[in-house]
C-alpha atoms as a PDB file:
ATOM      1  CA  MET A   1      -0.127  -0.084  -0.110  1.00  0.00           C
ATOM      2  CA  ASN A   2       1.141   3.579  -0.369  1.00  0.00           C
ATOM      3  CA  ALA A   3       2.666   5.089   2.572  1.00  0.00           C
ATOM      4  CA  PRO A   4       0.396   7.958   4.100  1.00  0.00           C
ATOM      5  CA  ALA A   5       1.665  11.636   3.241  1.00  0.00           C
ATOM      6  CA  ILE A   6       2.436  13.987   5.992  1.00  0.00           C
ATOM      7  CA  ALA A   7       0.391  17.167   5.795  1.00  0.00           C
ATOM      8  CA  PRO A   8       2.408  20.380   6.499  1.00  0.00           C
ATOM      9  CA  THR A   9       2.178  21.471   9.874  1.00  0.00           C
ATOM     10  CA  GLY A  10      -0.713  23.848  10.236  1.00  0.00           C
ATOM     11  CA  ALA A  11      -2.067  23.316   6.880  1.00  0.00           C
ATOM     12  CA  GLY A  12      -5.799  22.626   6.633  1.00  0.00           C
ATOM     13  CA  THR A  13      -5.813  21.501  10.399  1.00  0.00           C
ATOM     14  CA  GLY A  14      -8.696  21.749  12.869  1.00  0.00           C
ATOM     15  CA  ILE A  15      -7.496  20.825  16.525  1.00  0.00           C
ATOM     16  CA  GLY A  16      -3.902  20.149  17.011  1.00  0.00           C
ATOM     17  CA  HIS A  17      -2.555  18.471  13.753  1.00  0.00           C
ATOM     18  CA  ILE A  18      -5.825  16.930  12.850  1.00  0.00           C
ATOM     19  CA  ALA A  19      -6.924  17.574   9.165  1.00  0.00           C
ATOM     20  CA  THR A  20     -10.359  18.946   8.954  1.00  0.00           C
ATOM     21  CA  GLY A  21     -13.180  17.143   7.160  1.00  0.00           C
ATOM     22  CA  ALA A  22     -13.693  13.559   6.645  1.00  0.00           C
ATOM     23  CA  LEU A  23     -10.975  10.781   7.334  1.00  0.00           C
ATOM     24  CA  ASP A  24      -8.844  10.464   4.489  1.00  0.00           C
ATOM     25  CA  LEU A  25      -9.432   6.664   3.313  1.00  0.00           C
ATOM     26  CA  THR A  26      -8.079   7.149  -0.178  1.00  0.00           C
ATOM     27  CA  HIS A  27      -6.068   3.969  -0.364  1.00  0.00           C
ATOM     28  CA  GLY A  28      -8.478   1.696   1.946  1.00  0.00           C
ATOM     29  CA  THR A  29      -6.523   1.854   4.933  1.00  0.00           C
ATOM     30  CA  VAL A  30      -7.688   3.157   8.452  1.00  0.00           C
ATOM     31  CA  LEU A  31      -4.568   2.353  10.606  1.00  0.00           C
ATOM     32  CA  TYR A  32      -0.962   2.467   9.365  1.00  0.00           C
ATOM     33  CA  LEU A  33       1.697   1.461  11.787  1.00  0.00           C
ATOM     34  CA  ASP A  34       5.441   1.065  10.570  1.00  0.00           C
ATOM     35  CA  ASP A  35       8.398   0.095  12.049  1.00  0.00           C
ATOM     36  CA  ILE A  36       7.057   1.121  15.687  1.00  0.00           C
ATOM     37  CA  SER A  37       9.705   0.798  18.574  1.00  0.00           C
ATOM     38  CA  VAL A  38       8.842   1.299  22.218  1.00  0.00           C
ATOM     39  CA  SER A  39      11.413   0.751  24.961  1.00  0.00           C
ATOM     40  CA  PHE A  40      10.688   0.878  28.749  1.00  0.00           C
ATOM     41  CA  ASP A  41      14.194   0.837  30.933  1.00  0.00           C
ATOM     42  CA  GLY A  42      15.854  -1.007  28.203  1.00  0.00           C
ATOM     43  CA  PHE A  43      12.951  -3.479  27.948  1.00  0.00           C
ATOM     44  CA  LYS A  44      11.580  -3.567  24.111  1.00  0.00           C
ATOM     45  CA  ALA A  45       7.902  -3.595  24.397  1.00  0.00           C
ATOM     46  CA  LEU A  46       7.470  -3.031  20.690  1.00  0.00           C
ATOM     47  CA  ASN A  47      10.515  -4.110  18.238  1.00  0.00           C
ATOM     48  CA  LYS A  48       9.740  -2.678  14.611  1.00  0.00           C
ATOM     49  CA  LEU A  49       6.068  -3.423  14.659  1.00  0.00           C
ATOM     50  CA  SER A  50       4.106  -3.015  11.453  1.00  0.00           C
ATOM     51  CA  LEU A  51       0.461  -3.333  11.094  1.00  0.00           C
ATOM     52  CA  THR A  52      -1.933  -2.094   8.274  1.00  0.00           C
ATOM     53  CA  ILE A  53      -5.679  -2.119   9.192  1.00  0.00           C
ATOM     54  CA  ASP A  54      -8.223  -1.580   6.071  1.00  0.00           C
ATOM     55  CA  ALA A  55     -11.372   0.358   6.309  1.00  0.00           C
ATOM     56  CA  GLY A  56     -14.195  -1.678   7.779  1.00  0.00           C
ATOM     57  CA  GLU A  57     -12.003  -4.665   8.928  1.00  0.00           C
ATOM     58  CA  LEU A  58     -12.261  -6.581  11.915  1.00  0.00           C
ATOM     59  CA  ARG A  59      -8.747  -7.696  12.949  1.00  0.00           C
ATOM     60  CA  CYS A  60      -7.861  -9.931  15.735  1.00  0.00           C
ATOM     61  CA  VAL A  61      -4.496  -9.559  17.587  1.00  0.00           C
ATOM     62  CA  ILE A  62      -3.350 -12.466  19.682  1.00  0.00           C
ATOM     63  CA  GLY A  63      -0.017 -13.390  21.621  1.00  0.00           C
ATOM     64  CA  PRO A  64       1.127 -14.392  24.957  1.00  0.00           C
ATOM     65  CA  ASN A  65       1.252 -12.120  27.836  1.00  0.00           C
ATOM     66  CA  GLY A  66       4.117  -9.424  27.367  1.00  0.00           C
ATOM     67  CA  ALA A  67       3.816  -9.762  23.520  1.00  0.00           C
ATOM     68  CA  GLY A  68       3.076  -5.884  23.192  1.00  0.00           C
ATOM     69  CA  LYS A  69      -0.500  -6.143  22.501  1.00  0.00           C
ATOM     70  CA  THR A  70      -1.355  -3.287  25.080  1.00  0.00           C
ATOM     71  CA  THR A  71       1.477  -1.143  24.307  1.00  0.00           C
ATOM     72  CA  MET A  72       0.454  -1.179  20.524  1.00  0.00           C
ATOM     73  CA  MET A  73      -3.019  -0.055  21.707  1.00  0.00           C
ATOM     74  CA  ASP A  74      -1.276   2.777  23.942  1.00  0.00           C
ATOM     75  CA  VAL A  75       0.682   4.006  20.584  1.00  0.00           C
ATOM     76  CA  ILE A  76      -2.199   4.140  18.764  1.00  0.00           C
ATOM     77  CA  THR A  77      -4.410   6.109  21.386  1.00  0.00           C
ATOM     78  CA  GLY A  78      -1.412   8.424  22.216  1.00  0.00           C
ATOM     79  CA  LYS A  79      -0.923   7.094  25.784  1.00  0.00           C
ATOM     80  CA  THR A  80       2.496   6.054  24.950  1.00  0.00           C
ATOM     81  CA  ARG A  81       4.724   8.012  22.431  1.00  0.00           C
ATOM     82  CA  PRO A  82       6.885   5.521  20.120  1.00  0.00           C
ATOM     83  CA  ASP A  83      10.750   5.825  20.296  1.00  0.00           C
ATOM     84  CA  ALA A  84      10.730   5.283  16.488  1.00  0.00           C
ATOM     85  CA  GLY A  85       8.297   4.550  13.657  1.00  0.00           C
ATOM     86  CA  THR A  86       5.344   5.893  11.878  1.00  0.00           C
ATOM     87  CA  ALA A  87       1.682   5.836  13.080  1.00  0.00           C
ATOM     88  CA  PHE A  88      -1.035   7.237  10.712  1.00  0.00           C
ATOM     89  CA  PHE A  89      -4.695   7.187  11.053  1.00  0.00           C
ATOM     90  CA  GLY A  90      -6.076   7.195   7.508  1.00  0.00           C
ATOM     91  CA  GLN A  91      -3.840   9.088   4.904  1.00  0.00           C
ATOM     92  CA  THR A  92      -3.044  12.168   6.679  1.00  0.00           C
ATOM     93  CA  ILE A  93      -3.504  12.020  10.635  1.00  0.00           C
ATOM     94  CA  ASP A  94      -0.171  11.721  12.129  1.00  0.00           C
ATOM     95  CA  LEU A  95      -0.957   9.958  15.469  1.00  0.00           C
ATOM     96  CA  THR A  96       2.578  10.510  16.868  1.00  0.00           C
ATOM     97  CA  ARG A  97       1.699  14.365  16.964  1.00  0.00           C
ATOM     98  CA  LEU A  98      -1.227  14.061  18.974  1.00  0.00           C
ATOM     99  CA  THR A  99      -2.665  14.126  22.414  1.00  0.00           C
ATOM    100  CA  GLU A 100      -4.745  11.380  23.782  1.00  0.00           C
ATOM    101  CA  ALA A 101      -8.075  13.770  23.680  1.00  0.00           C
ATOM    102  CA  GLU A 102      -7.373  14.589  19.923  1.00  0.00           C
ATOM    103  CA  ILE A 103      -6.967  11.157  18.836  1.00  0.00           C
ATOM    104  CA  ALA A 104     -10.404  10.142  20.312  1.00  0.00           C
ATOM    105  CA  GLN A 105     -11.887  13.420  18.727  1.00  0.00           C
ATOM    106  CA  ALA A 106     -10.350  12.258  15.503  1.00  0.00           C
ATOM    107  CA  GLY A 107     -12.338   9.041  15.704  1.00  0.00           C
ATOM    108  CA  VAL A 108     -10.269   6.445  17.640  1.00  0.00           C
ATOM    109  CA  GLY A 109     -12.350   4.742  20.459  1.00  0.00           C
ATOM    110  CA  ARG A 110     -10.771   2.263  23.095  1.00  0.00           C
ATOM    111  CA  LYS A 111     -12.266  -0.049  25.297  1.00  0.00           C
ATOM    112  CA  PHE A 112     -10.424  -1.382  28.282  1.00  0.00           C
ATOM    113  CA  GLN A 113     -11.088  -4.737  29.661  1.00  0.00           C
ATOM    114  CA  LYS A 114     -13.295  -3.436  32.874  1.00  0.00           C
ATOM    115  CA  PRO A 115     -15.971  -1.562  31.767  1.00  0.00           C
ATOM    116  CA  THR A 116     -16.199   2.089  32.617  1.00  0.00           C
ATOM    117  CA  ILE A 117     -20.156   3.406  32.793  1.00  0.00           C
ATOM    118  CA  PHE A 118     -22.072   5.581  34.935  1.00  0.00           C
ATOM    119  CA  GLU A 119     -22.968   3.021  37.516  1.00  0.00           C
ATOM    120  CA  HIS A 120     -25.976   5.365  39.205  1.00  0.00           C
ATOM    121  CA  HIS A 121     -27.654   6.365  35.955  1.00  0.00           C
ATOM    122  CA  THR A 122     -29.808   4.280  33.563  1.00  0.00           C
ATOM    123  CA  VAL A 123     -28.676   2.794  30.485  1.00  0.00           C
ATOM    124  CA  PHE A 124     -30.315   5.380  28.425  1.00  0.00           C
ATOM    125  CA  GLU A 125     -28.919   8.319  30.363  1.00  0.00           C
ATOM    126  CA  ASN A 126     -25.258   6.436  29.916  1.00  0.00           C
ATOM    127  CA  LEU A 127     -25.832   6.809  26.112  1.00  0.00           C
ATOM    128  CA  GLU A 128     -27.343  10.437  26.307  1.00  0.00           C
ATOM    129  CA  LEU A 129     -24.328  11.166  28.334  1.00  0.00           C
ATOM    130  CA  SER A 130     -21.712   9.659  26.247  1.00  0.00           C
ATOM    131  CA  MET A 131     -23.242  11.317  23.022  1.00  0.00           C
ATOM    132  CA  LYS A 132     -23.509  14.828  24.575  1.00  0.00           C
ATOM    133  CA  ALA A 133     -19.849  14.390  25.885  1.00  0.00           C
ATOM    134  CA  ASP A 134     -18.868  14.321  22.068  1.00  0.00           C
ATOM    135  CA  LYS A 135     -17.064  17.564  21.384  1.00  0.00           C
ATOM    136  CA  ARG A 136     -18.454  17.868  17.961  1.00  0.00           C
ATOM    137  CA  VAL A 137     -21.881  18.410  19.297  1.00  0.00           C
ATOM    138  CA  ARG A 138     -22.343  21.644  20.802  1.00  0.00           C
ATOM    139  CA  ARG A 139     -24.781  21.585  23.564  1.00  0.00           C
ATOM    140  CA  THR A 140     -24.800  21.238  27.183  1.00  0.00           C
ATOM    141  CA  LEU A 141     -25.527  18.196  29.322  1.00  0.00           C
ATOM    142  CA  PHE A 142     -28.482  19.866  30.442  1.00  0.00           C
ATOM    143  CA  ALA A 143     -30.168  20.502  27.102  1.00  0.00           C
ATOM    144  CA  ARG A 144     -33.495  18.494  26.235  1.00  0.00           C
ATOM    145  CA  LEU A 145     -32.795  15.616  23.654  1.00  0.00           C
ATOM    146  CA  SER A 146     -34.337  16.428  20.141  1.00  0.00           C
ATOM    147  CA  SER A 147     -36.373  13.603  18.487  1.00  0.00           C
ATOM    148  CA  GLU A 148     -33.594  12.619  16.343  1.00  0.00           C
ATOM    149  CA  GLU A 149     -31.348  12.210  19.228  1.00  0.00           C
ATOM    150  CA  ARG A 150     -33.709  10.182  20.991  1.00  0.00           C
ATOM    151  CA  ASP A 151     -33.814   7.961  17.532  1.00  0.00           C
ATOM    152  CA  ARG A 152     -30.354   7.675  17.855  1.00  0.00           C
ATOM    153  CA  ILE A 153     -30.250   6.440  21.088  1.00  0.00           C
ATOM    154  CA  ALA A 154     -33.073   3.994  20.482  1.00  0.00           C
ATOM    155  CA  VAL A 155     -31.020   2.584  17.410  1.00  0.00           C
ATOM    156  CA  MET A 156     -27.695   1.957  19.614  1.00  0.00           C
ATOM    157  CA  LEU A 157     -30.034   0.378  22.325  1.00  0.00           C
ATOM    158  CA  ALA A 158     -31.002  -2.095  19.746  1.00  0.00           C
ATOM    159  CA  ARG A 159     -27.542  -2.596  18.293  1.00  0.00           C
ATOM    160  CA  VAL A 160     -26.281  -3.527  21.500  1.00  0.00           C
ATOM    161  CA  GLY A 161     -28.966  -5.722  22.610  1.00  0.00           C
ATOM    162  CA  LEU A 162     -30.137  -3.678  25.725  1.00  0.00           C
ATOM    163  CA  ALA A 163     -33.462  -2.069  24.123  1.00  0.00           C
ATOM    164  CA  ASP A 164     -35.483  -3.829  27.072  1.00  0.00           C
ATOM    165  CA  ALA A 165     -32.945  -2.529  29.817  1.00  0.00           C
ATOM    166  CA  ALA A 166     -32.974   1.192  28.619  1.00  0.00           C
ATOM    167  CA  ASP A 167     -34.672   2.307  31.976  1.00  0.00           C
ATOM    168  CA  ARG A 168     -32.510  -0.127  34.158  1.00  0.00           C
ATOM    169  CA  ILE A 169     -29.771   1.496  36.507  1.00  0.00           C
ATOM    170  CA  ALA A 170     -26.433   0.544  34.871  1.00  0.00           C
ATOM    171  CA  GLY A 171     -25.076  -0.775  38.172  1.00  0.00           C
ATOM    172  CA  LEU A 172     -27.667  -3.467  37.747  1.00  0.00           C
ATOM    173  CA  LEU A 173     -26.585  -5.292  34.608  1.00  0.00           C
ATOM    174  CA  SER A 174     -24.757  -8.411  34.352  1.00  0.00           C
ATOM    175  CA  HIS A 175     -21.050  -7.972  33.451  1.00  0.00           C
ATOM    176  CA  GLY A 176     -21.765  -8.740  29.650  1.00  0.00           C
ATOM    177  CA  GLN A 177     -24.386  -6.125  29.713  1.00  0.00           C
ATOM    178  CA  LYS A 178     -22.188  -3.540  31.108  1.00  0.00           C
ATOM    179  CA  GLN A 179     -19.605  -4.367  28.338  1.00  0.00           C
ATOM    180  CA  TRP A 180     -22.316  -3.797  25.618  1.00  0.00           C
ATOM    181  CA  LEU A 181     -23.222  -0.564  27.290  1.00  0.00           C
ATOM    182  CA  GLU A 182     -19.708   0.627  26.992  1.00  0.00           C
ATOM    183  CA  ILE A 183     -19.347  -0.409  23.409  1.00  0.00           C
ATOM    184  CA  GLY A 184     -22.654   1.443  22.798  1.00  0.00           C
ATOM    185  CA  MET A 185     -21.235   4.553  24.765  1.00  0.00           C
ATOM    186  CA  LEU A 186     -18.090   4.491  22.360  1.00  0.00           C
ATOM    187  CA  LEU A 187     -20.320   4.123  19.271  1.00  0.00           C
ATOM    188  CA  MET A 188     -22.437   6.942  20.225  1.00  0.00           C
ATOM    189  CA  GLN A 189     -19.360   9.180  19.420  1.00  0.00           C
ATOM    190  CA  GLU A 190     -19.249   7.264  15.752  1.00  0.00           C
ATOM    191  CA  PRO A 191     -15.579   6.147  16.088  1.00  0.00           C
ATOM    192  CA  GLN A 192     -13.825   5.058  12.722  1.00  0.00           C
ATOM    193  CA  LEU A 193     -11.804   2.693  14.728  1.00  0.00           C
ATOM    194  CA  LEU A 194     -12.533   0.677  17.903  1.00  0.00           C
ATOM    195  CA  LEU A 195      -9.702  -0.878  19.891  1.00  0.00           C
ATOM    196  CA  LEU A 196     -11.208  -3.587  22.172  1.00  0.00           C
ATOM    197  CA  ASP A 197      -9.273  -5.176  24.805  1.00  0.00           C
ATOM    198  CA  GLU A 198     -10.454  -8.460  26.146  1.00  0.00           C
ATOM    199  CA  PRO A 199     -13.954  -7.810  25.702  1.00  0.00           C
ATOM    200  CA  VAL A 200     -15.172 -11.156  26.533  1.00  0.00           C
ATOM    201  CA  ALA A 201     -13.157 -11.826  29.701  1.00  0.00           C
ATOM    202  CA  GLY A 202     -15.669 -12.883  32.323  1.00  0.00           C
ATOM    203  CA  MET A 203     -18.554 -13.184  30.183  1.00  0.00           C
ATOM    204  CA  SER A 204     -20.923 -16.113  30.122  1.00  0.00           C
ATOM    205  CA  ASP A 205     -21.059 -18.334  26.885  1.00  0.00           C
ATOM    206  CA  GLU A 206     -24.319 -16.964  26.091  1.00  0.00           C
ATOM    207  CA  GLU A 207     -22.974 -13.302  26.473  1.00  0.00           C
ATOM    208  CA  THR A 208     -19.562 -14.377  24.464  1.00  0.00           C
ATOM    209  CA  GLU A 209     -21.778 -15.660  21.557  1.00  0.00           C
ATOM    210  CA  ARG A 210     -23.892 -12.451  21.621  1.00  0.00           C
ATOM    211  CA  THR A 211     -20.668 -10.323  21.722  1.00  0.00           C
ATOM    212  CA  ALA A 212     -19.327 -12.080  18.561  1.00  0.00           C
ATOM    213  CA  GLU A 213     -22.603 -11.533  16.703  1.00  0.00           C
ATOM    214  CA  LEU A 214     -22.447  -7.791  17.670  1.00  0.00           C
ATOM    215  CA  PHE A 215     -18.643  -7.400  16.641  1.00  0.00           C
ATOM    216  CA  LEU A 216     -19.466  -9.133  13.349  1.00  0.00           C
ATOM    217  CA  SER A 217     -22.458  -6.759  12.691  1.00  0.00           C
ATOM    218  CA  LEU A 218     -20.133  -3.643  13.227  1.00  0.00           C
ATOM    219  CA  ALA A 219     -17.567  -4.729  10.813  1.00  0.00           C
ATOM    220  CA  GLY A 220     -17.965  -2.572   7.824  1.00  0.00           C
ATOM    221  CA  ARG A 221     -19.611   0.207   9.629  1.00  0.00           C
ATOM    222  CA  HIS A 222     -16.345   0.539  11.585  1.00  0.00           C
ATOM    223  CA  SER A 223     -12.659  -0.827  11.812  1.00  0.00           C
ATOM    224  CA  LEU A 224     -12.292  -2.952  14.904  1.00  0.00           C
ATOM    225  CA  ILE A 225      -9.029  -4.316  16.417  1.00  0.00           C
ATOM    226  CA  VAL A 226      -9.822  -6.888  18.798  1.00  0.00           C
ATOM    227  CA  VAL A 227      -7.188  -8.082  21.443  1.00  0.00           C
ATOM    228  CA  GLU A 228      -8.390 -11.278  23.425  1.00  0.00           C
ATOM    229  CA  HIS A 229      -6.831 -14.643  24.717  1.00  0.00           C
ATOM    230  CA  ASP A 230     -10.142 -16.695  24.303  1.00  0.00           C
ATOM    231  CA  MET A 231      -9.285 -18.488  20.973  1.00  0.00           C
ATOM    232  CA  ALA A 232     -12.870 -19.939  20.811  1.00  0.00           C
ATOM    233  CA  PHE A 233     -14.175 -16.514  20.678  1.00  0.00           C
ATOM    234  CA  ILE A 234     -11.413 -15.470  17.949  1.00  0.00           C
ATOM    235  CA  GLU A 235     -12.182 -18.431  15.858  1.00  0.00           C
ATOM    236  CA  GLU A 236     -15.910 -17.324  15.584  1.00  0.00           C
ATOM    237  CA  ILE A 237     -15.060 -13.785  14.555  1.00  0.00           C
ATOM    238  CA  ALA A 238     -11.676 -13.883  12.987  1.00  0.00           C
ATOM    239  CA  ARG A 239     -11.075 -12.870   9.212  1.00  0.00           C
ATOM    240  CA  LYS A 240      -7.429 -11.984   9.672  1.00  0.00           C
ATOM    241  CA  VAL A 241      -5.410 -12.767  12.672  1.00  0.00           C
ATOM    242  CA  THR A 242      -2.047 -10.901  13.694  1.00  0.00           C
ATOM    243  CA  VAL A 243       0.120 -12.571  16.092  1.00  0.00           C
ATOM    244  CA  LEU A 244       2.661 -10.474  18.336  1.00  0.00           C
ATOM    245  CA  HIS A 245       5.543 -11.905  20.293  1.00  0.00           C
ATOM    246  CA  GLU A 246       8.398  -9.824  21.879  1.00  0.00           C
ATOM    247  CA  GLY A 247       6.937  -6.636  20.374  1.00  0.00           C
ATOM    248  CA  SER A 248       6.758  -7.876  16.731  1.00  0.00           C
ATOM    249  CA  VAL A 249       4.376  -9.444  14.342  1.00  0.00           C
ATOM    250  CA  ILE A 250       5.402 -13.068  14.024  1.00  0.00           C
ATOM    251  CA  ALA A 251       2.509 -14.376  11.820  1.00  0.00           C
ATOM    252  CA  GLU A 252      -0.423 -12.857  10.189  1.00  0.00           C
ATOM    253  CA  GLY A 253      -3.406 -14.336   7.886  1.00  0.00           C
ATOM    254  CA  ALA A 254      -6.554 -16.342   8.130  1.00  0.00           C
ATOM    255  CA  MET A 255      -7.330 -18.325  11.351  1.00  0.00           C
ATOM    256  CA  ASP A 256      -6.469 -21.847   9.774  1.00  0.00           C
ATOM    257  CA  GLN A 257      -3.117 -20.446   8.381  1.00  0.00           C
ATOM    258  CA  VAL A 258      -1.944 -18.913  11.923  1.00  0.00           C
ATOM    259  CA  HIS A 259      -3.474 -21.835  13.843  1.00  0.00           C
ATOM    260  CA  ASN A 260      -1.002 -23.950  11.793  1.00  0.00           C
ATOM    261  CA  ASP A 261       1.924 -21.956  12.126  1.00  0.00           C
ATOM    262  CA  PRO A 262       4.722 -23.981  13.767  1.00  0.00           C
ATOM    263  CA  ARG A 263       6.155 -20.599  15.467  1.00  0.00           C
ATOM    264  CA  VAL A 264       2.680 -19.487  16.831  1.00  0.00           C
ATOM    265  CA  ILE A 265       2.302 -23.070  18.056  1.00  0.00           C
ATOM    266  CA  GLU A 266       5.618 -22.917  19.891  1.00  0.00           C
ATOM    267  CA  VAL A 267       5.045 -19.427  21.352  1.00  0.00           C
ATOM    268  CA  TYR A 268       1.397 -19.375  22.110  1.00  0.00           C
ATOM    269  CA  LEU A 269      -1.097 -21.971  21.165  1.00  0.00           C
ATOM    270  CA  GLY A 270       0.979 -25.064  22.074  1.00  0.00           C
ATOM    271  CA  ARG A 271      -0.802 -28.474  21.403  1.00  0.00           C
END
């Protein structure tokens, strides 16, 4: 693929170094990481890691503990600055030059393993607060919802399987429902790219199955990077799998291909 072009500093920018207008997906790529390296006190968390995610793709990332999965997501979201390498969102947004808030506003959403929701508010109110926290929506938290906004929330409730729980206090939801609610809260801000860290950890089998269906329904509308250790879940949703080990990509391809890769078997899957 063609490497993204670096826009001149200050040219056609909105906040920070974010280009105004829609995300540039000219070459069909939403995320481009090239030769990313990160060291912590001499330990190489990422070692010349390269990764390309297509627009609308659902990519699964697996690997043993310490492989660099979390650090990779930290680089993408601006939490960690790489020592070397290139990270672009679309063709023009240089992630290494933006703050975490600017990257989130540009359209990158991240869900951590433990759900972060407003426990004392209803499910509906959680989605409402998330929508109103979107900096692109110029309104206050106390403004009355328009019918269009109520419709948006209703659509999201149905999408994440919580339509029947709209008036329930969020703290009373099951673990899986809380995960779906937080995903809905992220989706209310219409991210182009969603990073999902061990989303089915602690879920029941039924919740895991419904989460697989949700992710498959989101692919195409959004680009998703799913980091997960549950291999049964990965096998259910995977189109393309990337395997990390010691901060580098050691294998990438279809699940069957990765599953039978001798190095992947050695460092991660076993027999």
